[in-house]
Amino acid sequence: MSAHGSDTIEDCLERIRAAWDAGDAAAFAAEFTEDATYVIYLGAPLVGRPEIERMHVDPLGRGTRMRIQVLSTKLLTDDVAVVLTVGGVGKDAMTPYDKVQTLTLVRRCNRWRCTAFQNTEMSSIAKRLYNPDIEL
């Protein structure tokens, strides 16, 4: 166990994925700070946990599952990290990665949460690069 507790960045990302898979908008939003910013892949910003929750009720109610893979993690301080991921959401077991995300995570009270999230649709070149085993 670290000096800051046992919660890891991977634990936070797993809670986000599990909440999505469960269709639980409240649990999903709980992984963001109260004042978090969340830019959806279409470019619209969501501000604050209540808005993140409200705007995810419908998408999470569609029975989709999330795939996420960490590309890099940069610890800026012991309690601030920037994480670059690729992700995808769909109903297939091998849903392709089709988004690139940047998450700024903060550790408060021994728990990592996302305070800023930027989601961007991948280019066709990136989709082929990150999905070598999936026919696109």
N, C-alpha and C. Protein backbone atom coordinates (compact mmCIF):
# COMPACT_ATOMS: atom_id res chain seq x y z
N MET A 1 0.85 -1.17 0.00
CA MET A 1 0.00 0.00 0.00
C MET A 1 0.89 1.23 0.00
N SER A 2 0.56 2.20 -0.85
CA SER A 2 1.35 3.43 -0.93
C SER A 2 0.98 4.36 0.22
N ALA A 3 1.75 5.42 0.34
CA ALA A 3 1.47 6.40 1.38
C ALA A 3 0.12 7.07 1.18
N HIS A 4 -0.37 7.02 -0.04
CA HIS A 4 -1.63 7.68 -0.36
C HIS A 4 -2.81 6.71 -0.36
N GLY A 5 -2.61 5.49 0.03
CA GLY A 5 -3.70 4.52 -0.01
C GLY A 5 -3.53 3.59 -1.19
N SER A 6 -4.43 2.67 -1.32
CA SER A 6 -4.25 1.62 -2.33
C SER A 6 -4.97 1.89 -3.64
N ASP A 7 -5.78 2.95 -3.74
CA ASP A 7 -6.48 3.23 -4.99
C ASP A 7 -5.48 3.61 -6.07
N THR A 8 -5.63 3.01 -7.23
CA THR A 8 -4.71 3.28 -8.34
C THR A 8 -5.45 3.95 -9.49
N ILE A 9 -4.68 4.47 -10.41
CA ILE A 9 -5.25 5.05 -11.63
C ILE A 9 -6.03 3.98 -12.38
N GLU A 10 -5.48 2.78 -12.43
CA GLU A 10 -6.16 1.67 -13.11
C GLU A 10 -7.49 1.34 -12.44
N ASP A 11 -7.54 1.44 -11.10
CA ASP A 11 -8.80 1.22 -10.37
C ASP A 11 -9.85 2.24 -10.82
N CYS A 12 -9.45 3.49 -10.94
CA CYS A 12 -10.37 4.54 -11.37
C CYS A 12 -10.92 4.25 -12.76
N LEU A 13 -10.02 3.91 -13.68
CA LEU A 13 -10.46 3.61 -15.05
C LEU A 13 -11.37 2.39 -15.08
N GLU A 14 -11.08 1.41 -14.25
CA GLU A 14 -11.92 0.21 -14.18
C GLU A 14 -13.31 0.56 -13.62
N ARG A 15 -13.37 1.45 -12.64
CA ARG A 15 -14.68 1.86 -12.12
C ARG A 15 -15.49 2.59 -13.19
N ILE A 16 -14.84 3.42 -13.99
CA ILE A 16 -15.51 4.12 -15.08
C ILE A 16 -16.07 3.10 -16.07
N ARG A 17 -15.22 2.14 -16.47
CA ARG A 17 -15.66 1.12 -17.43
C ARG A 17 -16.80 0.28 -16.85
N ALA A 18 -16.67 -0.16 -15.61
CA ALA A 18 -17.69 -1.01 -14.99
C ALA A 18 -19.02 -0.27 -14.86
N ALA A 19 -18.98 1.02 -14.51
CA ALA A 19 -20.22 1.80 -14.40
C ALA A 19 -20.89 1.92 -15.77
N TRP A 20 -20.08 2.13 -16.81
CA TRP A 20 -20.64 2.20 -18.18
C TRP A 20 -21.30 0.88 -18.52
N ASP A 21 -20.56 -0.21 -18.32
CA ASP A 21 -21.09 -1.53 -18.67
C ASP A 21 -22.37 -1.85 -17.91
N ALA A 22 -22.48 -1.36 -16.67
CA ALA A 22 -23.67 -1.60 -15.85
C ALA A 22 -24.81 -0.65 -16.21
N GLY A 23 -24.54 0.33 -17.07
CA GLY A 23 -25.58 1.29 -17.43
C GLY A 23 -25.93 2.23 -16.29
N ASP A 24 -24.99 2.47 -15.39
CA ASP A 24 -25.23 3.23 -14.17
C ASP A 24 -24.65 4.64 -14.29
N ALA A 25 -25.47 5.60 -14.72
CA ALA A 25 -25.00 6.97 -14.93
C ALA A 25 -24.53 7.62 -13.64
N ALA A 26 -25.18 7.31 -12.51
CA ALA A 26 -24.76 7.89 -11.23
C ALA A 26 -23.38 7.38 -10.83
N ALA A 27 -23.15 6.09 -10.95
CA ALA A 27 -21.83 5.53 -10.62
C ALA A 27 -20.77 6.04 -11.59
N PHE A 28 -21.13 6.19 -12.86
CA PHE A 28 -20.21 6.73 -13.86
C PHE A 28 -19.81 8.15 -13.47
N ALA A 29 -20.79 8.99 -13.20
CA ALA A 29 -20.51 10.39 -12.85
C ALA A 29 -19.76 10.51 -11.54
N ALA A 30 -19.94 9.56 -10.63
CA ALA A 30 -19.26 9.60 -9.34
C ALA A 30 -17.74 9.49 -9.49
N GLU A 31 -17.27 9.02 -10.63
CA GLU A 31 -15.84 8.90 -10.87
C GLU A 31 -15.22 10.20 -11.36
N PHE A 32 -16.04 11.26 -11.42
CA PHE A 32 -15.58 12.59 -11.82
C PHE A 32 -15.70 13.53 -10.63
N THR A 33 -14.83 14.52 -10.57
CA THR A 33 -14.92 15.50 -9.49
C THR A 33 -16.20 16.31 -9.66
N GLU A 34 -16.64 16.93 -8.59
CA GLU A 34 -17.89 17.71 -8.61
C GLU A 34 -17.86 18.78 -9.69
N ASP A 35 -16.68 19.37 -9.95
CA ASP A 35 -16.55 20.46 -10.92
C ASP A 35 -15.87 20.03 -12.22
N ALA A 36 -15.88 18.74 -12.51
CA ALA A 36 -15.18 18.21 -13.69
C ALA A 36 -15.70 18.82 -15.00
N THR A 37 -14.80 18.85 -15.98
CA THR A 37 -15.20 19.18 -17.35
C THR A 37 -15.08 17.91 -18.18
N TYR A 38 -16.01 17.74 -19.12
CA TYR A 38 -16.09 16.52 -19.93
C TYR A 38 -16.48 16.95 -21.34
N VAL A 39 -15.56 16.83 -22.28
CA VAL A 39 -15.85 17.20 -23.66
C VAL A 39 -16.15 15.93 -24.44
N ILE A 40 -17.40 15.80 -24.91
CA ILE A 40 -17.80 14.61 -25.67
C ILE A 40 -17.16 14.66 -27.05
N TYR A 41 -17.14 13.51 -27.74
CA TYR A 41 -16.42 13.44 -29.01
C TYR A 41 -16.99 14.34 -30.08
N LEU A 42 -18.24 14.77 -29.95
CA LEU A 42 -18.83 15.70 -30.91
C LEU A 42 -18.43 17.14 -30.63
N GLY A 43 -17.71 17.37 -29.53
CA GLY A 43 -17.19 18.69 -29.23
C GLY A 43 -17.98 19.50 -28.21
N ALA A 44 -19.06 18.96 -27.67
CA ALA A 44 -19.86 19.69 -26.69
C ALA A 44 -19.28 19.48 -25.29
N PRO A 45 -19.10 20.58 -24.52
CA PRO A 45 -18.59 20.43 -23.16
C PRO A 45 -19.72 20.21 -22.15
N LEU A 46 -19.44 19.34 -21.20
CA LEU A 46 -20.31 19.14 -20.04
C LEU A 46 -19.51 19.66 -18.85
N VAL A 47 -20.19 20.36 -17.94
CA VAL A 47 -19.49 20.94 -16.80
C VAL A 47 -20.19 20.50 -15.51
N GLY A 48 -19.43 19.82 -14.66
CA GLY A 48 -19.92 19.40 -13.36
C GLY A 48 -20.50 18.00 -13.37
N ARG A 49 -20.36 17.34 -12.23
CA ARG A 49 -20.84 15.96 -12.07
C ARG A 49 -22.33 15.81 -12.38
N PRO A 50 -23.21 16.73 -11.92
CA PRO A 50 -24.64 16.56 -12.22
C PRO A 50 -24.93 16.55 -13.73
N GLU A 51 -24.26 17.42 -14.49
CA GLU A 51 -24.48 17.44 -15.93
C GLU A 51 -23.90 16.20 -16.60
N ILE A 52 -22.75 15.74 -16.13
CA ILE A 52 -22.15 14.51 -16.67
C ILE A 52 -23.12 13.35 -16.46
N GLU A 53 -23.69 13.26 -15.27
CA GLU A 53 -24.64 12.19 -15.00
C GLU A 53 -25.89 12.31 -15.89
N ARG A 54 -26.48 13.49 -15.91
CA ARG A 54 -27.71 13.69 -16.68
C ARG A 54 -27.52 13.37 -18.17
N MET A 55 -26.39 13.78 -18.72
CA MET A 55 -26.15 13.59 -20.15
C MET A 55 -25.69 12.16 -20.50
N HIS A 56 -25.49 11.32 -19.48
CA HIS A 56 -25.09 9.94 -19.75
C HIS A 56 -26.19 8.92 -19.45
N VAL A 57 -27.33 9.37 -18.93
CA VAL A 57 -28.43 8.44 -18.65
C VAL A 57 -28.84 7.72 -19.94
N ASP A 58 -29.07 8.46 -21.02
CA ASP A 58 -29.49 7.84 -22.28
C ASP A 58 -28.39 6.96 -22.89
N PRO A 59 -27.17 7.48 -23.09
CA PRO A 59 -26.13 6.62 -23.68
C PRO A 59 -25.87 5.35 -22.89
N LEU A 60 -25.88 5.44 -21.56
CA LEU A 60 -25.60 4.26 -20.75
C LEU A 60 -26.78 3.31 -20.71
N GLY A 61 -27.95 3.78 -21.06
CA GLY A 61 -29.14 2.94 -21.09
C GLY A 61 -29.29 2.10 -22.34
N ARG A 62 -28.32 2.16 -23.23
CA ARG A 62 -28.40 1.44 -24.51
C ARG A 62 -27.80 0.05 -24.47
N GLY A 63 -27.29 -0.36 -23.32
CA GLY A 63 -26.76 -1.71 -23.18
C GLY A 63 -25.41 -1.93 -23.85
N THR A 64 -24.63 -0.86 -23.98
CA THR A 64 -23.31 -0.99 -24.60
C THR A 64 -22.26 -1.30 -23.54
N ARG A 65 -21.10 -1.72 -24.04
CA ARG A 65 -19.96 -2.01 -23.18
C ARG A 65 -18.79 -1.14 -23.64
N MET A 66 -17.92 -0.84 -22.70
CA MET A 66 -16.78 0.02 -22.97
C MET A 66 -15.49 -0.79 -23.02
N ARG A 67 -14.66 -0.46 -24.00
CA ARG A 67 -13.28 -0.96 -24.03
C ARG A 67 -12.38 0.24 -23.82
N ILE A 68 -11.31 0.06 -23.06
CA ILE A 68 -10.37 1.15 -22.82
C ILE A 68 -8.97 0.57 -22.66
N GLN A 69 -8.01 1.26 -23.25
CA GLN A 69 -6.61 0.84 -23.15
C GLN A 69 -5.76 2.07 -22.89
N VAL A 70 -4.93 2.00 -21.86
CA VAL A 70 -4.04 3.11 -21.53
C VAL A 70 -2.86 3.11 -22.49
N LEU A 71 -2.60 4.27 -23.09
CA LEU A 71 -1.42 4.44 -23.94
C LEU A 71 -0.26 5.04 -23.17
N SER A 72 -0.57 6.00 -22.27
CA SER A 72 0.48 6.59 -21.46
C SER A 72 -0.12 7.22 -20.21
N THR A 73 0.71 7.28 -19.18
CA THR A 73 0.35 7.93 -17.92
C THR A 73 1.51 8.82 -17.52
N LYS A 74 1.20 10.08 -17.25
CA LYS A 74 2.22 11.03 -16.77
C LYS A 74 1.79 11.53 -15.40
N LEU A 75 2.58 11.23 -14.39
CA LEU A 75 2.33 11.77 -13.06
C LEU A 75 2.93 13.16 -13.00
N LEU A 76 2.08 14.19 -12.87
CA LEU A 76 2.56 15.56 -12.78
C LEU A 76 2.98 15.88 -11.35
N THR A 77 2.24 15.32 -10.39
CA THR A 77 2.60 15.37 -8.97
C THR A 77 2.16 14.02 -8.41
N ASP A 78 2.33 13.82 -7.12
CA ASP A 78 1.86 12.57 -6.51
C ASP A 78 0.34 12.42 -6.62
N ASP A 79 -0.36 13.54 -6.80
CA ASP A 79 -1.82 13.52 -6.78
C ASP A 79 -2.48 14.05 -8.05
N VAL A 80 -1.71 14.22 -9.12
CA VAL A 80 -2.26 14.68 -10.40
C VAL A 80 -1.61 13.87 -11.52
N ALA A 81 -2.44 13.31 -12.39
CA ALA A 81 -1.93 12.51 -13.50
C ALA A 81 -2.69 12.85 -14.78
N VAL A 82 -1.98 12.77 -15.90
CA VAL A 82 -2.60 12.89 -17.21
C VAL A 82 -2.49 11.52 -17.88
N VAL A 83 -3.63 11.00 -18.31
CA VAL A 83 -3.69 9.66 -18.88
C VAL A 83 -4.22 9.76 -20.30
N LEU A 84 -3.51 9.15 -21.23
CA LEU A 84 -3.94 9.07 -22.62
C LEU A 84 -4.44 7.66 -22.88
N THR A 85 -5.66 7.54 -23.40
CA THR A 85 -6.25 6.23 -23.65
C THR A 85 -6.85 6.18 -25.05
N VAL A 86 -7.10 4.95 -25.50
CA VAL A 86 -7.98 4.72 -26.64
C VAL A 86 -9.17 3.94 -26.09
N GLY A 87 -10.32 4.17 -26.68
CA GLY A 87 -11.51 3.51 -26.20
C GLY A 87 -12.53 3.30 -27.28
N GLY A 88 -13.49 2.48 -26.95
CA GLY A 88 -14.60 2.23 -27.85
C GLY A 88 -15.81 1.78 -27.05
N VAL A 89 -16.97 2.04 -27.59
CA VAL A 89 -18.22 1.66 -26.95
C VAL A 89 -19.09 0.97 -28.00
N GLY A 90 -19.63 -0.18 -27.64
CA GLY A 90 -20.50 -0.89 -28.57
C GLY A 90 -21.06 -2.14 -27.93
N LYS A 91 -21.79 -2.92 -28.73
CA LYS A 91 -22.43 -4.12 -28.20
C LYS A 91 -21.64 -5.39 -28.51
N ASP A 92 -20.65 -5.30 -29.40
CA ASP A 92 -19.85 -6.47 -29.76
C ASP A 92 -18.74 -6.69 -28.74
N ALA A 93 -18.36 -7.96 -28.57
CA ALA A 93 -17.27 -8.29 -27.64
C ALA A 93 -15.97 -7.60 -28.05
N MET A 94 -15.74 -7.49 -29.33
CA MET A 94 -14.52 -6.84 -29.84
C MET A 94 -14.87 -5.50 -30.49
N THR A 95 -15.57 -4.67 -29.76
CA THR A 95 -15.87 -3.32 -30.24
C THR A 95 -14.55 -2.63 -30.58
N PRO A 96 -14.46 -2.03 -31.75
CA PRO A 96 -13.19 -1.39 -32.10
C PRO A 96 -12.94 -0.12 -31.29
N TYR A 97 -11.67 0.16 -31.10
CA TYR A 97 -11.28 1.45 -30.54
C TYR A 97 -11.55 2.50 -31.62
N ASP A 98 -12.30 3.53 -31.26
CA ASP A 98 -12.60 4.57 -32.24
C ASP A 98 -12.49 5.98 -31.68
N LYS A 99 -12.05 6.07 -30.41
CA LYS A 99 -11.88 7.37 -29.77
C LYS A 99 -10.52 7.41 -29.07
N VAL A 100 -10.00 8.62 -28.96
CA VAL A 100 -8.79 8.88 -28.17
C VAL A 100 -9.22 9.82 -27.05
N GLN A 101 -8.81 9.50 -25.83
CA GLN A 101 -9.21 10.31 -24.69
C GLN A 101 -7.99 10.79 -23.92
N THR A 102 -8.10 12.01 -23.40
CA THR A 102 -7.13 12.52 -22.44
C THR A 102 -7.89 12.78 -21.15
N LEU A 103 -7.42 12.18 -20.08
CA LEU A 103 -8.04 12.35 -18.76
C LEU A 103 -7.03 12.99 -17.82
N THR A 104 -7.46 14.00 -17.10
CA THR A 104 -6.67 14.55 -16.02
C THR A 104 -7.30 14.03 -14.74
N LEU A 105 -6.52 13.26 -14.00
CA LEU A 105 -7.00 12.65 -12.77
C LEU A 105 -6.37 13.34 -11.57
N VAL A 106 -7.15 13.46 -10.51
CA VAL A 106 -6.64 14.00 -9.25
C VAL A 106 -6.95 13.01 -8.14
N ARG A 107 -6.05 12.94 -7.19
CA ARG A 107 -6.27 12.06 -6.04
C ARG A 107 -6.65 12.95 -4.86
N ARG A 108 -7.84 12.69 -4.35
CA ARG A 108 -8.35 13.40 -3.17
C ARG A 108 -8.88 12.36 -2.21
N CYS A 109 -8.55 12.51 -0.95
CA CYS A 109 -9.00 11.56 0.08
C CYS A 109 -8.68 10.12 -0.33
N ASN A 110 -7.47 9.92 -0.86
CA ASN A 110 -6.97 8.59 -1.25
C ASN A 110 -7.74 7.93 -2.37
N ARG A 111 -8.43 8.71 -3.20
CA ARG A 111 -9.18 8.14 -4.32
C ARG A 111 -8.95 8.97 -5.57
N TRP A 112 -8.63 8.28 -6.67
CA TRP A 112 -8.45 8.95 -7.96
C TRP A 112 -9.82 9.22 -8.58
N ARG A 113 -9.98 10.43 -9.12
CA ARG A 113 -11.18 10.80 -9.88
C ARG A 113 -10.74 11.66 -11.06
N CYS A 114 -11.57 11.68 -12.08
CA CYS A 114 -11.29 12.48 -13.27
C CYS A 114 -11.81 13.90 -13.07
N THR A 115 -10.95 14.89 -13.32
CA THR A 115 -11.37 16.28 -13.22
C THR A 115 -11.49 16.95 -14.59
N ALA A 116 -10.90 16.35 -15.63
CA ALA A 116 -11.04 16.86 -16.99
C ALA A 116 -10.92 15.69 -17.96
N PHE A 117 -11.84 15.64 -18.92
CA PHE A 117 -11.91 14.54 -19.87
C PHE A 117 -12.14 15.13 -21.25
N GLN A 118 -11.34 14.73 -22.21
CA GLN A 118 -11.48 15.15 -23.61
C GLN A 118 -11.57 13.89 -24.45
N ASN A 119 -12.64 13.75 -25.21
CA ASN A 119 -12.89 12.57 -26.03
C ASN A 119 -12.91 13.00 -27.49
N THR A 120 -12.09 12.38 -28.32
CA THR A 120 -11.96 12.77 -29.72
C THR A 120 -12.10 11.54 -30.61
N GLU A 121 -12.86 11.68 -31.68
CA GLU A 121 -13.00 10.57 -32.63
C GLU A 121 -11.67 10.36 -33.35
N MET A 122 -11.28 9.09 -33.50
CA MET A 122 -10.04 8.75 -34.18
C MET A 122 -10.13 8.98 -35.68
N SER A 123 -9.01 9.29 -36.27
CA SER A 123 -8.90 9.33 -37.72
C SER A 123 -8.96 7.89 -38.25
N SER A 124 -9.20 7.71 -39.53
CA SER A 124 -9.25 6.37 -40.10
C SER A 124 -7.88 5.69 -39.98
N ILE A 125 -6.80 6.44 -40.08
CA ILE A 125 -5.46 5.87 -39.92
C ILE A 125 -5.28 5.34 -38.50
N ALA A 126 -5.67 6.12 -37.50
CA ALA A 126 -5.54 5.69 -36.10
C ALA A 126 -6.43 4.48 -35.83
N LYS A 127 -7.62 4.46 -36.41
CA LYS A 127 -8.51 3.30 -36.20
C LYS A 127 -7.84 2.02 -36.70
N ARG A 128 -7.20 2.09 -37.86
CA ARG A 128 -6.50 0.90 -38.38
C ARG A 128 -5.31 0.54 -37.50
N LEU A 129 -4.59 1.53 -37.00
CA LEU A 129 -3.41 1.31 -36.16
C LEU A 129 -3.79 0.61 -34.85
N TYR A 130 -4.86 1.05 -34.20
CA TYR A 130 -5.22 0.53 -32.88
C TYR A 130 -6.18 -0.66 -32.93
N ASN A 131 -6.58 -1.08 -34.12
CA ASN A 131 -7.49 -2.22 -34.27
C ASN A 131 -6.95 -3.21 -35.30
N PRO A 132 -5.71 -3.67 -35.14
CA PRO A 132 -5.12 -4.53 -36.18
C PRO A 132 -5.84 -5.86 -36.36
N ASP A 133 -6.56 -6.33 -35.34
CA ASP A 133 -7.22 -7.64 -35.42
C ASP A 133 -8.70 -7.55 -35.73
N ILE A 134 -9.19 -6.35 -36.03
CA ILE A 134 -10.62 -6.16 -36.30
C ILE A 134 -10.81 -5.61 -37.70
N GLU A 135 -11.71 -6.22 -38.44
CA GLU A 135 -12.03 -5.72 -39.79
C GLU A 135 -12.89 -4.47 -39.63
N LEU A 136 -12.39 -3.36 -40.16
CA LEU A 136 -13.12 -2.08 -40.05
C LEU A 136 -13.85 -1.74 -41.33
